[in-house]
Amino acid sequence: MFDRSSSRPLAAGFALLAALAAPIVTVASDVLTQFRLSRPAAETHVFDSVWNDGLGYFGGVRTFKALSADARAAAITGAAAFARAYCETDAFRTRYAKQRETSRPAPLPPLKSWAESQAEQKAQFEKSLADMRANSAKATPEIRKMLEETADSLVKQQQAMDKDAALQAQMKKGHEMANELKQQNWAKSVKEFEQKYPENPNALIATRLREFLAMSADVPATAELVERDGKLRFVDRKLEGKSYAWKQLFRAGKPAVDAARAAATDWLTALEGTR
C-alpha cells in the first residue's frame, strides 16, 4: 500500500483548495508564521489558483507531509477559510479586475476597406516600379534592358487586371470575406474570454470549486500500488491514468480530501445563494 510518510514530493494540486494544501492550521497570523509564508505571498497563491485554472501551488509541502491525517484535514479547512476570506475582500476584487483588464483580447485594429486596400497596393506597386527603373539606370546595358522589359510587362499585367471586372469583383469579395473573418475571430475571442473570466470573480471561483468537486469525487481511501521504474504506480490502470492533481489528492489522504470537499461544498453553496 501507499506509504503516506514517504519522502516523495507532495505537490498541492487541490484545484482552488488544493493550491492551499499546506498553509493554515489555526488563525491566519499563526499559520503563516508556521508555514513561513508572508500574507502577500499566500494571497498571491490564492489569486493564482483562481485565475490559472486552479493550478496554483502553495508552499510548505514538507510541513504538510509531516502532519497526521487529522492535522492535514485541519490544515485544509484552515486553508479554505483563508482563501475564502481573501476572495471576499475588496483587495481581491480589485486585483481580479486589473488582471482581467490587462488580459482581455486587444481591440481589433481598423480594417481597411477595399478602396483603401487598392490604393495601398497601387502605391506599393508604383514604388516597386520606380525602384526597379532607378536601379536599371545604374546597370549594364543588358541588365537595364531586362529590367525595363520587366517593368513594362508588369505595367501591362496590372492594367489588364484593373480592366478585368470579373477579377476585380472576385478580389473585392475575397477582401470583404477576409475582413469579416477577422471580425468574427475577434468577436469569438472576446466571447470566450468573457466566458472564461466573467466580470464577477465569484462566478469564476464557483467554476473552480465545481471543477475541484468533480475531480475529487472518486478519490479512494486506499489503493494498491507497486514500485516500477523507481516510482510508485497504481495497480489499477484506471487510477494510474488519473491526472497529476488527482494523484496529489490521493497522496494527501482521504481525511484531507474530505475536508477540502466539505469546505468547497460549503463555499459553493454560499456563492450560489448570492446569485
Protein backbone atom coordinates (compact mmCIF):
# COMPACT_ATOMS: atom_id res chain seq x y z
CA MET A 1 0.00 0.00 0.00
CA PHE A 2 0.99 3.62 -0.34
CA ASP A 3 3.16 4.96 2.47
CA ARG A 4 1.94 8.48 3.17
CA SER A 5 5.05 9.24 5.21
CA SER A 6 7.15 8.69 2.10
CA SER A 7 9.72 11.34 1.20
CA ARG A 8 8.24 11.58 -2.27
CA PRO A 9 7.21 15.17 -3.16
CA LEU A 10 3.70 16.19 -2.18
CA ALA A 11 2.54 18.97 -4.52
CA ALA A 12 -0.57 20.92 -3.61
CA GLY A 13 -2.81 20.11 -6.52
CA PHE A 14 -6.20 20.57 -4.98
CA ALA A 15 -7.56 22.95 -7.63
CA LEU A 16 -8.65 26.05 -5.72
CA LEU A 17 -8.39 24.33 -2.34
CA ALA A 18 -5.58 22.08 -3.45
CA ALA A 19 -3.47 25.10 -4.18
CA LEU A 20 -3.72 25.73 -0.48
CA ALA A 21 -2.80 22.25 0.61
CA ALA A 22 -0.15 23.33 3.07
CA PRO A 23 -0.95 26.61 4.66
CA ILE A 24 -3.25 27.10 7.61
CA VAL A 25 -4.00 25.26 10.83
CA THR A 26 -5.18 27.93 13.24
CA VAL A 27 -5.63 31.66 12.81
CA ALA A 28 -4.02 33.25 9.78
CA SER A 29 -1.18 35.05 11.52
CA ASP A 30 -0.05 31.92 13.42
CA VAL A 31 -0.37 29.70 10.39
CA LEU A 32 1.51 31.97 8.01
CA THR A 33 4.33 32.06 10.53
CA GLN A 34 4.25 28.30 10.97
CA PHE A 35 4.50 27.70 7.24
CA ARG A 36 6.94 30.56 6.68
CA LEU A 37 4.59 32.43 4.39
CA SER A 38 4.01 36.14 4.20
CA ARG A 39 0.41 37.24 3.79
CA PRO A 40 1.12 38.79 0.34
CA ALA A 41 2.67 35.51 -0.84
CA ALA A 42 -0.27 33.49 0.48
CA GLU A 43 -2.75 35.85 -1.17
CA THR A 44 -0.87 35.62 -4.46
CA HIS A 45 -1.10 31.82 -4.37
CA VAL A 46 -4.84 32.07 -3.74
CA PHE A 47 -5.33 34.53 -6.57
CA ASP A 48 -3.24 32.48 -8.99
CA SER A 49 -5.16 29.33 -8.18
CA VAL A 50 -8.40 31.12 -9.07
CA TRP A 51 -7.10 32.75 -12.24
CA ASN A 52 -4.93 29.94 -13.62
CA ASP A 53 -7.38 27.07 -13.91
CA GLY A 54 -6.87 26.08 -10.31
CA LEU A 55 -3.26 25.07 -10.96
CA GLY A 56 -1.69 27.14 -8.25
CA TYR A 57 0.94 25.93 -5.79
CA PHE A 58 1.18 26.70 -2.11
CA GLY A 59 4.45 26.30 -0.22
CA GLY A 60 5.09 24.33 2.94
CA VAL A 61 4.89 20.87 1.38
CA ARG A 62 7.33 19.27 3.84
CA THR A 63 5.44 20.72 6.78
CA PHE A 64 2.18 19.43 5.37
CA LYS A 65 3.62 15.94 4.79
CA ALA A 66 4.77 15.77 8.40
CA LEU A 67 1.23 16.27 9.69
CA SER A 68 -1.01 13.42 10.74
CA ALA A 69 -4.09 12.63 8.68
CA ASP A 70 -6.33 14.60 11.05
CA ALA A 71 -3.92 17.52 11.15
CA ARG A 72 -3.85 17.62 7.37
CA ALA A 73 -7.63 17.82 7.34
CA ALA A 74 -7.45 20.73 9.79
CA ALA A 75 -4.84 22.41 7.57
CA ILE A 76 -7.10 22.10 4.54
CA THR A 77 -10.05 23.51 6.46
CA GLY A 78 -7.92 26.45 7.55
CA ALA A 79 -6.61 26.89 4.01
CA ALA A 80 -10.13 27.08 2.66
CA ALA A 81 -11.09 29.62 5.33
CA PHE A 82 -8.10 31.79 4.44
CA ALA A 83 -8.82 31.56 0.71
CA ARG A 84 -12.50 32.30 1.17
CA ALA A 85 -11.84 35.28 3.42
CA TYR A 86 -9.33 36.78 0.99
CA CYS A 87 -11.62 36.23 -2.01
CA GLU A 88 -14.31 38.25 -0.26
CA THR A 89 -12.10 41.33 0.14
CA ASP A 90 -12.05 44.47 -1.97
CA ALA A 91 -8.34 43.87 -2.49
CA PHE A 92 -9.05 40.58 -4.24
CA ARG A 93 -11.82 42.05 -6.37
CA THR A 94 -9.63 44.98 -7.39
CA ARG A 95 -6.76 42.65 -8.27
CA TYR A 96 -9.11 40.49 -10.30
CA ALA A 97 -10.50 43.48 -12.20
CA LYS A 98 -6.99 44.71 -13.05
CA GLN A 99 -5.86 41.26 -14.18
CA ARG A 100 -8.97 40.90 -16.28
CA GLU A 101 -8.46 44.26 -17.94
CA THR A 102 -4.84 43.58 -18.86
CA SER A 103 -5.60 40.05 -20.09
CA ARG A 104 -8.58 40.71 -22.34
CA PRO A 105 -8.11 40.47 -26.13
CA ALA A 106 -6.61 43.58 -27.69
CA PRO A 107 -9.02 45.75 -29.69
CA LEU A 108 -9.39 44.78 -33.33
CA PRO A 109 -7.25 47.11 -35.49
CA PRO A 110 -9.23 49.18 -38.02
CA LEU A 111 -9.93 47.09 -41.10
CA LYS A 112 -9.06 48.58 -44.48
CA SER A 113 -11.88 48.96 -46.98
CA TRP A 114 -11.49 47.56 -50.47
CA ALA A 115 -10.79 51.05 -51.82
CA GLU A 116 -8.14 51.67 -49.15
CA SER A 117 -6.54 48.33 -49.82
CA GLN A 118 -6.45 49.00 -53.57
CA ALA A 119 -4.89 52.43 -53.03
CA GLU A 120 -2.24 50.93 -50.77
CA GLN A 121 -1.42 48.19 -53.25
CA LYS A 122 -1.22 50.70 -56.08
CA ALA A 123 1.20 52.87 -54.10
CA GLN A 124 3.38 49.84 -53.35
CA PHE A 125 3.32 48.78 -57.00
CA GLU A 126 4.35 52.22 -58.20
CA LYS A 127 7.15 52.39 -55.67
CA SER A 128 8.46 48.99 -56.78
CA LEU A 129 8.42 50.16 -60.40
CA ALA A 130 10.22 53.37 -59.52
CA ASP A 131 12.87 51.42 -57.59
CA MET A 132 13.30 48.99 -60.50
CA ARG A 133 13.75 51.80 -63.02
CA ALA A 134 16.13 53.64 -60.72
CA ASN A 135 18.25 50.51 -60.42
CA SER A 136 18.17 49.94 -64.17
CA ALA A 137 19.81 53.33 -64.74
CA LYS A 138 22.85 52.10 -62.81
CA ALA A 139 23.03 48.70 -64.50
CA THR A 140 24.86 47.45 -67.56
CA PRO A 141 23.04 47.84 -70.90
CA GLU A 142 22.00 44.18 -70.88
CA ILE A 143 20.63 44.28 -67.34
CA ARG A 144 19.00 47.68 -68.00
CA LYS A 145 17.13 46.28 -70.98
CA MET A 146 15.94 43.28 -68.96
CA LEU A 147 14.71 45.46 -66.07
CA GLU A 148 12.90 47.87 -68.38
CA GLU A 149 11.19 44.99 -70.17
CA THR A 150 10.19 43.50 -66.85
CA ALA A 151 8.78 46.85 -65.69
CA ASP A 152 6.81 47.30 -68.92
CA SER A 153 5.45 43.76 -68.62
CA LEU A 154 4.32 44.35 -65.02
CA VAL A 155 2.56 47.57 -66.02
CA LYS A 156 0.65 45.77 -68.79
CA GLN A 157 -0.33 42.96 -66.42
CA GLN A 158 -1.57 45.42 -63.84
CA GLN A 159 -3.56 47.37 -66.42
CA ALA A 160 -5.16 44.16 -67.66
CA MET A 161 -6.12 43.20 -64.10
CA ASP A 162 -7.59 46.65 -63.48
CA LYS A 163 -9.80 46.30 -66.57
CA ASP A 164 -10.99 42.78 -65.71
CA ALA A 165 -14.31 43.50 -63.99
CA ALA A 166 -14.93 39.89 -63.03
CA LEU A 167 -11.48 39.54 -61.47
CA GLN A 168 -11.87 42.80 -59.58
CA ALA A 169 -15.27 41.70 -58.25
CA GLN A 170 -13.78 38.39 -57.12
CA MET A 171 -10.84 40.11 -55.43
CA LYS A 172 -13.16 42.56 -53.69
CA LYS A 173 -15.33 39.72 -52.42
CA GLY A 174 -12.26 37.92 -51.10
CA HIS A 175 -11.11 41.06 -49.31
CA GLU A 176 -14.50 41.58 -47.69
CA MET A 177 -14.69 37.92 -46.64
CA ALA A 178 -11.23 38.21 -45.06
CA ASN A 179 -12.36 41.30 -43.12
CA GLU A 180 -15.49 39.53 -41.97
CA LEU A 181 -13.47 36.52 -40.81
CA LYS A 182 -11.15 38.79 -38.81
CA GLN A 183 -14.17 40.39 -37.13
CA GLN A 184 -15.71 37.00 -36.36
CA ASN A 185 -12.48 35.62 -34.91
CA TRP A 186 -12.03 38.69 -32.74
CA ALA A 187 -15.63 38.56 -31.53
CA LYS A 188 -15.17 34.86 -30.76
CA SER A 189 -12.02 35.52 -28.73
CA VAL A 190 -13.81 38.24 -26.75
CA LYS A 191 -16.78 35.96 -26.06
CA GLU A 192 -14.51 33.12 -24.95
CA PHE A 193 -12.61 35.48 -22.67
CA GLU A 194 -15.82 36.79 -21.10
CA GLN A 195 -16.98 33.23 -20.51
CA LYS A 196 -13.66 32.09 -19.06
CA TYR A 197 -13.11 35.19 -16.93
CA PRO A 198 -16.53 36.66 -16.05
CA GLU A 199 -16.76 40.17 -14.69
CA ASN A 200 -17.91 38.89 -11.30
CA PRO A 201 -15.00 36.92 -9.76
CA ASN A 202 -17.45 34.86 -7.73
CA ALA A 203 -18.59 33.20 -10.94
CA LEU A 204 -15.03 32.05 -11.67
CA ILE A 205 -14.50 30.93 -8.07
CA ALA A 206 -17.68 28.86 -8.31
CA THR A 207 -16.37 27.27 -11.51
CA ARG A 208 -13.08 26.37 -9.83
CA LEU A 209 -14.94 24.84 -6.89
CA ARG A 210 -17.13 22.75 -9.21
CA GLU A 211 -14.03 21.61 -11.07
CA PHE A 212 -12.44 20.55 -7.81
CA LEU A 213 -15.54 18.73 -6.59
CA ALA A 214 -15.82 16.85 -9.88
CA MET A 215 -12.14 15.94 -9.90
CA SER A 216 -12.07 14.80 -6.25
CA ALA A 217 -15.31 12.84 -6.24
CA ASP A 218 -13.69 9.42 -6.65
CA VAL A 219 -10.54 9.60 -4.51
CA PRO A 220 -10.33 6.33 -2.56
CA ALA A 221 -9.05 5.96 0.98
CA THR A 222 -6.64 3.21 -0.09
CA ALA A 223 -5.40 1.69 -3.32
CA GLU A 224 -2.84 -0.92 -4.20
CA LEU A 225 0.45 0.39 -5.58
CA VAL A 226 3.62 -1.21 -6.89
CA GLU A 227 7.06 0.23 -7.46
CA ARG A 228 8.02 0.46 -11.11
CA ASP A 229 10.96 2.35 -12.60
CA GLY A 230 11.73 3.83 -9.20
CA LYS A 231 8.23 5.25 -8.74
CA LEU A 232 5.06 4.07 -7.07
CA ARG A 233 2.37 3.20 -9.58
CA PHE A 234 -1.28 2.27 -9.15
CA VAL A 235 -2.03 -1.35 -9.93
CA ASP A 236 -5.43 -0.26 -11.22
CA ARG A 237 -4.74 1.13 -14.70
CA LYS A 238 -7.74 3.44 -14.44
CA LEU A 239 -6.28 5.09 -11.34
CA GLU A 240 -2.81 5.21 -12.89
CA GLY A 241 -4.30 7.15 -15.79
CA LYS A 242 -5.65 9.85 -13.48
CA SER A 243 -4.26 13.39 -13.61
CA TYR A 244 -1.29 14.58 -11.57
CA ALA A 245 -3.60 16.77 -9.45
CA TRP A 246 -5.87 13.79 -8.66
CA LYS A 247 -2.87 11.74 -7.55
CA GLN A 248 -1.84 14.53 -5.19
CA LEU A 249 -5.27 14.31 -3.59
CA PHE A 250 -4.72 10.61 -3.02
CA ARG A 251 -1.29 11.26 -1.53
CA ALA A 252 -2.72 13.87 0.83
CA GLY A 253 -5.10 11.28 2.25
CA LYS A 254 -8.86 10.80 2.42
CA PRO A 255 -9.40 12.94 5.56
CA ALA A 256 -7.74 15.92 3.85
CA VAL A 257 -9.73 15.34 0.66
CA ASP A 258 -12.98 15.05 2.61
CA ALA A 259 -12.18 18.27 4.47
CA ALA A 260 -11.44 20.03 1.19
CA ARG A 261 -14.66 18.78 -0.37
CA ALA A 262 -16.69 19.86 2.64
CA ALA A 263 -15.17 23.34 2.55
CA ALA A 264 -15.62 23.57 -1.22
CA THR A 265 -19.25 22.47 -0.99
CA ASP A 266 -20.00 24.97 1.75
CA TRP A 267 -18.30 27.79 -0.17
CA LEU A 268 -20.05 26.89 -3.42
CA THR A 269 -23.43 26.75 -1.69
CA ALA A 270 -22.85 30.22 -0.31
CA LEU A 271 -21.83 31.58 -3.70
CA GLU A 272 -24.83 30.05 -5.44
CA GLY A 273 -27.09 31.55 -2.79
CA THR A 274 -25.86 35.05 -3.63
CA ARG A 275 -26.93 34.92 -7.29
